[in-house]
N, C-alpha and C. Protein backbone atom coordinates (compact mmCIF):
# COMPACT_ATOMS: atom_id res chain seq x y z
N UNK A 1 5.93 72.04 20.98
CA UNK A 1 5.48 71.18 19.89
C UNK A 1 6.62 70.89 18.91
N UNK A 2 6.62 69.68 18.39
CA UNK A 2 7.64 69.29 17.42
C UNK A 2 7.32 69.89 16.06
N UNK A 3 8.30 70.50 15.46
CA UNK A 3 8.14 71.11 14.15
C UNK A 3 8.61 70.18 13.05
N UNK A 4 8.51 70.61 11.80
CA UNK A 4 8.88 69.77 10.67
C UNK A 4 10.34 69.34 10.66
N UNK A 5 11.23 70.15 11.22
CA UNK A 5 12.66 69.81 11.23
C UNK A 5 13.08 68.98 12.43
N UNK A 6 12.14 68.67 13.29
CA UNK A 6 12.45 67.91 14.50
C UNK A 6 12.70 66.45 14.16
N UNK A 7 13.74 65.83 14.77
CA UNK A 7 13.98 64.41 14.50
C UNK A 7 12.76 63.55 14.82
N UNK A 8 12.56 62.50 14.03
CA UNK A 8 11.39 61.64 14.18
C UNK A 8 11.27 61.00 15.55
N UNK A 9 12.40 60.60 16.15
CA UNK A 9 12.33 59.91 17.42
C UNK A 9 11.71 60.77 18.50
N UNK A 10 11.82 62.11 18.37
CA UNK A 10 11.19 62.98 19.37
C UNK A 10 9.67 62.99 19.21
N UNK A 11 9.19 62.56 18.04
CA UNK A 11 7.75 62.46 17.78
C UNK A 11 7.26 61.02 17.88
N UNK A 12 8.17 60.10 18.27
CA UNK A 12 7.76 58.71 18.46
C UNK A 12 7.72 57.89 17.19
N UNK A 13 8.49 58.28 16.18
CA UNK A 13 8.51 57.55 14.91
C UNK A 13 9.94 57.41 14.39
N UNK A 14 10.11 56.42 13.52
CA UNK A 14 11.34 56.31 12.73
C UNK A 14 10.97 56.75 11.32
N UNK A 15 11.68 57.72 10.82
CA UNK A 15 11.47 58.18 9.46
C UNK A 15 12.55 57.56 8.58
N UNK A 16 12.15 56.71 7.67
CA UNK A 16 13.09 56.03 6.79
C UNK A 16 12.93 56.59 5.37
N UNK A 17 14.02 57.02 4.80
CA UNK A 17 14.01 57.50 3.43
C UNK A 17 15.12 56.79 2.67
N UNK A 18 14.75 55.79 1.89
CA UNK A 18 15.71 54.97 1.15
C UNK A 18 16.74 54.34 2.11
N UNK A 19 16.27 53.92 3.28
CA UNK A 19 17.13 53.35 4.32
C UNK A 19 17.33 51.86 4.08
N UNK A 20 18.54 51.39 4.34
CA UNK A 20 18.80 49.95 4.26
C UNK A 20 18.02 49.24 5.35
N UNK A 21 17.56 48.03 5.04
CA UNK A 21 16.78 47.26 6.00
C UNK A 21 17.58 46.96 7.26
N UNK A 22 18.84 46.60 7.13
CA UNK A 22 19.64 46.30 8.32
C UNK A 22 19.79 47.53 9.22
N UNK A 23 19.93 48.71 8.63
CA UNK A 23 20.04 49.94 9.43
C UNK A 23 18.71 50.24 10.11
N UNK A 24 17.61 50.03 9.39
CA UNK A 24 16.28 50.25 9.97
C UNK A 24 16.06 49.32 11.16
N UNK A 25 16.39 48.03 10.99
CA UNK A 25 16.19 47.07 12.07
C UNK A 25 17.08 47.38 13.28
N UNK A 26 18.30 47.85 13.02
CA UNK A 26 19.18 48.24 14.12
C UNK A 26 18.56 49.40 14.91
N UNK A 27 18.00 50.35 14.19
CA UNK A 27 17.36 51.49 14.86
C UNK A 27 16.11 51.04 15.61
N UNK A 28 15.28 50.23 14.99
CA UNK A 28 14.06 49.75 15.63
C UNK A 28 14.38 48.92 16.87
N UNK A 29 15.44 48.14 16.81
CA UNK A 29 15.78 47.27 17.94
C UNK A 29 16.16 48.05 19.19
N UNK A 30 16.52 49.30 19.03
CA UNK A 30 16.82 50.14 20.20
C UNK A 30 15.56 50.42 21.03
N UNK A 31 14.39 50.22 20.44
CA UNK A 31 13.13 50.56 21.09
C UNK A 31 12.28 49.34 21.43
N UNK A 32 12.88 48.15 21.40
CA UNK A 32 12.15 46.94 21.78
C UNK A 32 13.09 46.04 22.56
N UNK A 33 12.50 45.15 23.35
CA UNK A 33 13.30 44.19 24.10
C UNK A 33 13.74 43.07 23.19
N UNK A 34 14.91 42.53 23.48
CA UNK A 34 15.36 41.38 22.73
C UNK A 34 16.31 41.73 21.61
N UNK A 35 16.55 40.73 20.77
CA UNK A 35 17.53 40.82 19.69
C UNK A 35 16.82 40.70 18.35
N UNK A 36 17.19 41.55 17.42
CA UNK A 36 16.68 41.48 16.04
C UNK A 36 17.87 41.16 15.15
N UNK A 37 17.79 40.07 14.41
CA UNK A 37 18.84 39.68 13.48
C UNK A 37 18.33 39.82 12.05
N UNK A 38 19.25 40.23 11.18
CA UNK A 38 18.90 40.43 9.77
C UNK A 38 19.80 39.56 8.91
N UNK A 39 19.20 38.73 8.09
CA UNK A 39 19.93 37.88 7.17
C UNK A 39 20.65 38.78 6.15
N UNK A 40 21.94 38.52 5.89
CA UNK A 40 22.67 39.32 4.90
C UNK A 40 22.02 39.33 3.52
N UNK A 41 21.24 38.30 3.20
CA UNK A 41 20.59 38.23 1.89
C UNK A 41 19.56 39.33 1.68
N UNK A 42 19.02 39.89 2.77
CA UNK A 42 18.02 40.95 2.65
C UNK A 42 18.48 42.27 3.27
N UNK A 43 19.65 42.29 3.85
CA UNK A 43 20.14 43.47 4.57
C UNK A 43 20.18 44.74 3.72
N UNK A 44 20.47 44.60 2.43
CA UNK A 44 20.61 45.76 1.56
C UNK A 44 19.32 46.26 0.94
N UNK A 45 18.19 45.59 1.23
CA UNK A 45 16.91 46.09 0.70
C UNK A 45 16.66 47.49 1.23
N UNK A 46 16.03 48.32 0.42
CA UNK A 46 15.77 49.71 0.80
C UNK A 46 14.30 49.91 1.12
N UNK A 47 14.03 50.78 2.09
CA UNK A 47 12.66 51.09 2.43
C UNK A 47 12.51 52.56 2.77
N UNK A 48 11.31 53.04 2.61
CA UNK A 48 10.96 54.41 2.96
C UNK A 48 9.61 54.38 3.66
N UNK A 49 9.43 55.25 4.62
CA UNK A 49 8.16 55.33 5.32
C UNK A 49 8.36 55.89 6.72
N UNK A 50 7.26 56.00 7.42
CA UNK A 50 7.25 56.47 8.81
C UNK A 50 6.67 55.34 9.65
N UNK A 51 7.44 54.91 10.65
CA UNK A 51 7.08 53.74 11.45
C UNK A 51 7.04 54.10 12.93
N UNK A 52 6.07 53.55 13.67
CA UNK A 52 5.94 53.89 15.09
C UNK A 52 7.01 53.23 15.94
N UNK A 53 7.54 53.98 16.90
CA UNK A 53 8.51 53.43 17.84
C UNK A 53 7.85 52.71 19.00
N UNK A 54 6.63 53.09 19.33
CA UNK A 54 5.97 52.51 20.50
C UNK A 54 5.31 51.17 20.19
N UNK A 55 5.34 50.74 18.93
CA UNK A 55 4.75 49.46 18.54
C UNK A 55 5.62 48.82 17.47
N UNK A 56 6.74 48.24 17.90
CA UNK A 56 7.69 47.63 16.97
C UNK A 56 7.04 46.51 16.17
N UNK A 57 6.13 45.78 16.77
CA UNK A 57 5.45 44.69 16.05
C UNK A 57 4.66 45.24 14.87
N UNK A 58 3.99 46.35 15.06
CA UNK A 58 3.22 46.95 13.96
C UNK A 58 4.15 47.41 12.84
N UNK A 59 5.30 47.96 13.22
CA UNK A 59 6.27 48.39 12.22
C UNK A 59 6.79 47.19 11.43
N UNK A 60 7.09 46.10 12.12
CA UNK A 60 7.59 44.90 11.45
C UNK A 60 6.53 44.28 10.55
N UNK A 61 5.28 44.27 10.99
CA UNK A 61 4.20 43.73 10.18
C UNK A 61 3.99 44.54 8.90
N UNK A 62 4.28 45.83 8.95
CA UNK A 62 4.14 46.67 7.76
C UNK A 62 5.21 46.36 6.72
N UNK A 63 6.34 45.82 7.16
CA UNK A 63 7.43 45.53 6.23
C UNK A 63 7.18 44.27 5.40
N UNK A 64 6.55 43.27 5.99
CA UNK A 64 6.40 41.97 5.31
C UNK A 64 5.68 42.05 3.97
N UNK A 65 4.56 42.76 3.84
CA UNK A 65 3.93 42.82 2.51
C UNK A 65 4.66 43.74 1.54
N UNK A 66 5.46 44.66 2.07
CA UNK A 66 6.12 45.65 1.22
C UNK A 66 7.46 45.17 0.67
N UNK A 67 8.11 44.25 1.37
CA UNK A 67 9.43 43.76 0.97
C UNK A 67 9.40 42.24 0.87
N UNK A 68 10.30 41.66 0.11
CA UNK A 68 10.34 40.19 -0.01
C UNK A 68 11.05 39.55 1.20
N UNK A 69 10.47 39.77 2.37
CA UNK A 69 11.07 39.28 3.62
C UNK A 69 10.06 38.48 4.42
N UNK A 70 10.60 37.76 5.38
CA UNK A 70 9.79 37.03 6.34
C UNK A 70 10.33 37.34 7.72
N UNK A 71 9.45 37.65 8.66
CA UNK A 71 9.85 37.92 10.04
C UNK A 71 9.48 36.69 10.86
N UNK A 72 10.49 36.09 11.46
CA UNK A 72 10.30 34.88 12.25
C UNK A 72 10.62 35.18 13.70
N UNK A 73 9.67 34.87 14.57
CA UNK A 73 9.87 35.08 16.00
C UNK A 73 10.21 33.73 16.63
N UNK A 74 11.44 33.60 17.12
CA UNK A 74 11.87 32.35 17.75
C UNK A 74 11.42 32.32 19.21
N UNK A 75 11.51 33.45 19.87
CA UNK A 75 10.97 33.66 21.22
C UNK A 75 10.52 35.10 21.23
N UNK A 76 9.96 35.54 22.34
CA UNK A 76 9.55 36.95 22.38
C UNK A 76 10.77 37.88 22.37
N UNK A 77 11.95 37.32 22.61
CA UNK A 77 13.16 38.13 22.66
C UNK A 77 14.09 37.93 21.47
N UNK A 78 13.79 36.99 20.58
CA UNK A 78 14.65 36.74 19.42
C UNK A 78 13.82 36.75 18.15
N UNK A 79 14.18 37.66 17.25
CA UNK A 79 13.45 37.86 16.01
C UNK A 79 14.43 37.79 14.85
N UNK A 80 14.07 37.08 13.80
CA UNK A 80 14.94 36.92 12.63
C UNK A 80 14.21 37.44 11.40
N UNK A 81 14.89 38.30 10.63
CA UNK A 81 14.33 38.81 9.39
C UNK A 81 15.18 38.24 8.25
N UNK A 82 14.53 37.49 7.39
CA UNK A 82 15.22 36.84 6.29
C UNK A 82 14.41 36.89 5.02
N UNK A 83 14.89 36.25 3.97
CA UNK A 83 14.16 36.25 2.70
C UNK A 83 12.86 35.45 2.81
N UNK A 84 11.85 35.93 2.11
CA UNK A 84 10.57 35.22 2.06
C UNK A 84 10.73 33.97 1.22
N UNK A 85 10.21 32.87 1.72
CA UNK A 85 10.25 31.63 0.95
C UNK A 85 9.16 31.67 -0.11
N UNK A 86 9.49 31.20 -1.28
CA UNK A 86 8.51 31.20 -2.37
C UNK A 86 8.00 29.81 -2.64
């Protein structure tokens, strides 16, 4: 069994603690098909939380209401994260 000191990926999650958005997306992209691009305008946003690795779409959907970002899917293999239009 995984204990409290066990890395999150062994439990199927990404644990983010004040993590930059671009670093989070780079980590998440390792667990999904395709390419995830992050606009430099939002790359430095910080986030904290626990996100599932087995459902990248659910993790991305959780970010949109929490951060001023928009996730745009150009194809099932190309995803762009940029600033939310106001």
